[in-house]
Amino acid sequence: MFSDQDEAPQRAAADAPPPELNGPTGVDSAEVVPVAAKTGTSAGQWIREIATTLIEAAALYLLLALVFGRFEIKQVSMEPTFSEGQYVLVNRLGSWADWALLRGQEVMQFVGAQPAYATDGSPTTPRFGPQRGQVVVLYIQPDQSGDALIKRVVGLPGETIEIRDGAVWVNGALLDEPYLSGVRTDRCDAYCVVTLPANGYFVMGDNRSQSRDSRSFGPIPAEQIVGEVVLRYLPLDKISFYP
């Protein structure tokens, strides 16, 4: 049997309040993060976020630079549509897609596959290239050396183009060119009548009397076309989008 004296200390210990936690806020000190450590962690995370943002911005810039080309106009052959000193943005995607298709067709022909033909018997034409009426940037030389030119597409692959009577005729039909505002196409150099190859385009400047174009150097292969003009971004008061 235990005496009352033996039970008293036990009751006192049981009734005593629990010891205070070591931390100043009632949290164990092992769970308290020092202010200096917290600041260092936040700064490191902030630096990582900035670095990530810069890398993403650089990657986006490189992607846009690959897809879109920027050109300054230094010729008068497209006046009054485009003037010297203006800047344009060119979409390269269509030209790249056609280049890949043409290379694929060459590979298929090399391994013995037969080319596909349209219902009229003409070879299939590039699918993603520029359409009639679009303005393009191109090079005359196959290696894309020399100056880039800006012209308008008036003839598509497989068509027969004829310059006569002050106008352009496509497959025997008069071509409507509202962007010329009544300007005649009187001058013709070497290519006055030409049937375009499967990947050839006939291009001309809107300033017909002051333009060196397919009338003198002939059809332009699809792989020598950089792309279609989609935006004039300078000067600011002349900003325009082009389909």
Protein backbone atom coordinates (compact mmCIF):
# COMPACT_ATOMS: atom_id res chain seq x y z
CA MET A 1 0.00 0.00 0.00
CA PHE A 2 1.26 3.44 -0.96
CA SER A 3 1.10 6.23 1.54
CA ASP A 4 -0.40 9.68 0.94
CA GLN A 5 3.13 11.06 0.86
CA ASP A 6 3.99 8.82 -2.07
CA GLU A 7 0.93 9.83 -4.08
CA ALA A 8 1.29 13.59 -3.63
CA PRO A 9 4.33 14.11 -5.84
CA GLN A 10 2.71 12.09 -8.59
CA ARG A 11 -0.43 14.20 -8.49
CA ALA A 12 1.62 17.34 -8.46
CA ALA A 13 3.53 16.21 -11.51
CA ALA A 14 0.34 15.30 -13.30
CA ASP A 15 -1.29 18.64 -12.46
CA ALA A 16 1.74 20.71 -13.50
CA PRO A 17 1.35 22.72 -16.77
CA PRO A 18 3.18 21.36 -19.83
CA PRO A 19 6.63 22.84 -20.48
CA GLU A 20 6.82 25.75 -22.87
CA LEU A 21 8.02 25.02 -26.42
CA ASN A 22 11.44 26.30 -27.31
CA GLY A 23 10.31 28.56 -30.20
CA PRO A 24 9.14 32.10 -29.53
CA THR A 25 5.82 31.45 -31.29
CA GLY A 26 5.05 28.12 -29.83
CA VAL A 27 6.75 26.19 -32.59
CA ASP A 28 9.71 23.94 -32.12
CA SER A 29 12.92 25.79 -33.01
CA ALA A 30 13.88 23.06 -35.47
CA GLU A 31 10.93 24.14 -37.66
CA VAL A 32 11.72 27.84 -37.59
CA VAL A 33 13.55 29.02 -40.76
CA PRO A 34 16.13 31.76 -40.10
CA VAL A 35 15.40 35.09 -41.74
CA ALA A 36 18.70 35.03 -43.64
CA ALA A 37 17.98 31.57 -45.04
CA LYS A 38 14.47 32.60 -46.12
CA THR A 39 15.84 35.65 -47.91
CA GLY A 40 18.45 33.57 -49.71
CA THR A 41 15.87 31.06 -50.86
CA SER A 42 13.58 33.79 -52.21
CA ALA A 43 16.45 35.48 -54.05
CA GLY A 44 17.53 32.17 -55.61
CA GLN A 45 14.00 31.42 -56.73
CA TRP A 46 13.67 34.95 -58.13
CA ILE A 47 16.91 34.53 -60.11
CA ARG A 48 15.75 31.17 -61.47
CA GLU A 49 12.43 32.67 -62.58
CA ILE A 50 14.21 35.53 -64.35
CA ALA A 51 16.62 33.11 -66.04
CA THR A 52 13.73 30.91 -67.15
CA THR A 53 11.85 33.91 -68.53
CA LEU A 54 14.93 35.10 -70.43
CA ILE A 55 15.50 31.64 -71.92
CA GLU A 56 11.86 31.37 -72.98
CA ALA A 57 11.98 34.87 -74.50
CA ALA A 58 15.17 34.02 -76.40
CA ALA A 59 13.66 30.77 -77.68
CA LEU A 60 10.53 32.63 -78.82
CA TYR A 61 12.65 35.26 -80.55
CA LEU A 62 14.66 32.60 -82.40
CA LEU A 63 11.47 30.81 -83.44
CA LEU A 64 9.92 34.02 -84.75
CA ALA A 65 13.18 34.90 -86.52
CA LEU A 66 13.09 31.52 -88.27
CA VAL A 67 9.42 31.82 -89.25
CA PHE A 68 9.39 35.52 -90.16
CA GLY A 69 11.95 37.57 -92.07
CA ARG A 70 12.31 41.35 -91.83
CA PHE A 71 13.18 43.35 -94.92
CA GLU A 72 13.70 47.00 -95.76
CA ILE A 73 12.41 48.07 -99.18
CA LYS A 74 15.13 49.74 -101.23
CA GLN A 75 13.48 49.89 -104.64
CA VAL A 76 10.59 51.65 -106.37
CA SER A 77 9.26 48.70 -108.39
CA MET A 78 6.26 48.18 -106.07
CA GLU A 79 5.07 51.78 -105.85
CA PRO A 80 2.54 53.00 -104.95
CA THR A 81 1.75 49.85 -102.91
CA PHE A 82 5.14 49.83 -101.17
CA SER A 83 7.65 52.67 -101.12
CA GLU A 84 11.38 52.85 -100.59
CA GLY A 85 12.38 52.99 -96.92
CA GLN A 86 9.42 50.97 -95.64
CA TYR A 87 9.86 47.77 -93.62
CA VAL A 88 7.93 44.52 -94.09
CA LEU A 89 7.55 41.18 -92.32
CA VAL A 90 7.68 38.04 -94.48
CA ASN A 91 6.17 34.66 -93.62
CA ARG A 92 8.59 31.85 -94.52
CA LEU A 93 6.40 28.86 -93.57
CA GLY A 94 4.74 28.34 -96.94
CA SER A 95 8.05 28.35 -98.79
CA TRP A 96 9.60 25.90 -96.34
CA ALA A 97 6.64 23.54 -96.64
CA ASP A 98 6.82 23.59 -100.45
CA TRP A 99 10.58 23.07 -100.35
CA ALA A 100 10.07 19.98 -98.19
CA LEU A 101 7.35 18.68 -100.54
CA LEU A 102 9.53 19.19 -103.60
CA ARG A 103 12.46 17.39 -101.99
CA GLY A 104 10.11 14.58 -101.02
CA GLN A 105 8.87 14.30 -104.61
CA GLU A 106 12.45 14.10 -105.85
CA VAL A 107 13.18 11.29 -103.42
CA MET A 108 10.04 9.42 -104.45
CA GLN A 109 10.94 9.75 -108.14
CA PHE A 110 14.46 8.56 -107.37
CA VAL A 111 13.12 5.38 -105.81
CA GLY A 112 10.80 4.81 -108.78
CA ALA A 113 7.49 6.43 -107.75
CA GLN A 114 5.49 8.08 -110.55
CA PRO A 115 4.62 11.82 -110.31
CA ALA A 116 1.02 12.80 -109.69
CA TYR A 117 -0.89 14.80 -112.27
CA ALA A 118 -3.89 17.09 -112.13
CA THR A 119 -7.04 16.35 -114.14
CA ASP A 120 -5.79 18.49 -117.03
CA GLY A 121 -2.56 16.50 -117.29
CA SER A 122 -0.29 19.14 -115.74
CA PRO A 123 2.02 18.16 -112.84
CA THR A 124 0.85 18.91 -109.34
CA THR A 125 1.88 22.35 -108.10
CA PRO A 126 3.20 23.46 -104.70
CA ARG A 127 0.42 23.41 -102.11
CA PHE A 128 1.62 25.96 -99.60
CA GLY A 129 3.25 28.54 -101.89
CA PRO A 130 2.04 32.06 -102.57
CA GLN A 131 -1.26 32.69 -104.29
CA ARG A 132 -2.00 35.02 -107.16
CA GLY A 133 -2.00 38.64 -106.06
CA GLN A 134 0.19 38.10 -103.01
CA VAL A 135 3.37 40.15 -102.59
CA VAL A 136 6.53 38.09 -102.06
CA VAL A 137 10.22 38.57 -101.37
CA LEU A 138 12.49 36.51 -103.62
CA TYR A 139 15.98 36.02 -104.96
CA ILE A 140 16.88 35.74 -108.63
CA GLN A 141 19.88 33.50 -107.99
CA PRO A 142 19.35 29.85 -106.91
CA ASP A 143 21.85 30.26 -104.05
CA GLN A 144 19.87 33.31 -102.85
CA SER A 145 22.86 35.59 -103.35
CA GLY A 146 22.54 39.21 -104.36
CA ASP A 147 19.74 41.57 -103.43
CA ALA A 148 16.30 40.36 -102.43
CA LEU A 149 13.44 41.66 -104.60
CA ILE A 150 9.85 42.40 -103.67
CA LYS A 151 7.26 41.56 -106.35
CA ARG A 152 3.64 40.50 -106.82
CA VAL A 153 2.67 37.01 -107.97
CA VAL A 154 0.65 37.15 -111.21
CA GLY A 155 1.22 33.64 -112.60
CA LEU A 156 1.00 30.27 -110.86
CA PRO A 157 2.70 26.96 -111.71
CA GLY A 158 1.38 25.32 -114.87
CA GLU A 159 -0.27 28.46 -116.25
CA THR A 160 0.50 30.17 -119.54
CA ILE A 161 1.24 33.87 -119.11
CA GLU A 162 1.07 36.34 -121.99
CA ILE A 163 1.84 40.07 -121.99
CA ARG A 164 -0.05 41.89 -124.75
CA ASP A 165 -2.40 44.79 -125.38
CA GLY A 166 -1.20 46.57 -122.25
CA ALA A 167 -2.37 43.77 -119.95
CA VAL A 168 -1.58 40.32 -118.54
CA TRP A 169 -3.39 37.25 -119.87
CA VAL A 170 -3.55 33.96 -117.98
CA ASN A 171 -4.45 30.87 -120.00
CA GLY A 172 -6.04 33.16 -122.59
CA ALA A 173 -8.14 35.13 -120.09
CA LEU A 174 -7.55 38.77 -119.16
CA LEU A 175 -6.17 39.09 -115.62
CA ASP A 176 -7.99 41.59 -113.42
CA GLU A 177 -5.42 43.61 -111.45
CA PRO A 178 -7.26 46.19 -109.31
CA TYR A 179 -4.08 47.01 -107.36
CA LEU A 180 -2.66 48.70 -110.48
CA SER A 181 -5.35 51.39 -110.49
CA GLY A 182 -5.51 51.43 -114.27
CA VAL A 183 -1.74 51.29 -114.95
CA ARG A 184 -1.02 49.47 -118.21
CA THR A 185 1.49 46.67 -118.72
CA ASP A 186 3.03 47.79 -121.98
CA ARG A 187 6.66 46.86 -121.56
CA CYS A 188 7.82 43.31 -122.14
CA ASP A 189 11.45 42.19 -122.43
CA ALA A 190 12.18 38.51 -123.05
CA TYR A 191 9.34 36.52 -121.51
CA CYS A 192 6.21 37.83 -123.20
CA VAL A 193 4.61 34.40 -123.57
CA VAL A 194 5.66 31.62 -121.22
CA THR A 195 4.18 28.43 -119.77
CA LEU A 196 5.28 28.11 -116.16
CA PRO A 197 6.89 24.90 -114.88
CA ALA A 198 5.41 22.87 -112.04
CA ASN A 199 7.21 24.90 -109.39
CA GLY A 200 7.57 28.23 -111.24
CA TYR A 201 5.93 31.58 -110.52
CA PHE A 202 5.60 34.67 -112.73
CA VAL A 203 6.17 37.81 -110.65
CA MET A 204 5.92 41.49 -111.53
CA GLY A 205 6.19 44.84 -109.78
CA ASP A 206 3.16 47.10 -109.45
CA ASN A 207 5.21 49.94 -110.95
CA ARG A 208 5.20 48.15 -114.31
CA SER A 209 7.32 50.69 -116.19
CA GLN A 210 10.07 50.71 -113.52
CA SER A 211 10.16 47.06 -112.51
CA ARG A 212 12.72 44.39 -113.34
CA ASP A 213 10.75 41.17 -112.98
CA SER A 214 9.77 37.90 -114.68
CA ARG A 215 9.37 39.75 -117.97
CA SER A 216 13.18 39.97 -118.05
CA PHE A 217 14.51 37.12 -115.87
CA GLY A 218 11.71 34.59 -116.35
CA PRO A 219 9.78 32.39 -113.90
CA ILE A 220 11.00 32.11 -110.32
CA PRO A 221 11.23 28.61 -108.77
CA ALA A 222 9.40 28.12 -105.49
CA GLU A 223 12.63 27.50 -103.58
CA GLN A 224 13.91 30.98 -104.48
CA ILE A 225 10.88 32.66 -102.87
CA VAL A 226 11.57 33.66 -99.27
CA GLY A 227 7.92 34.06 -98.40
CA GLU A 228 4.82 36.21 -98.53
CA VAL A 229 4.62 39.73 -97.13
CA VAL A 230 2.18 39.67 -94.21
CA LEU A 231 2.84 43.00 -92.49
CA ARG A 232 4.23 46.46 -93.19
CA TYR A 233 5.36 47.63 -89.76
CA LEU A 234 7.29 50.82 -90.52
CA PRO A 235 6.60 53.67 -90.77
CA LEU A 236 4.04 53.47 -88.00
CA ASP A 237 1.44 55.52 -89.87
CA LYS A 238 1.59 53.01 -92.74
CA ILE A 239 1.12 49.79 -90.74
CA SER A 240 -0.89 47.31 -92.80
CA PHE A 241 -1.62 43.58 -92.69
CA TYR A 242 -1.70 41.53 -95.88
CA PRO A 243 -3.51 38.18 -96.27
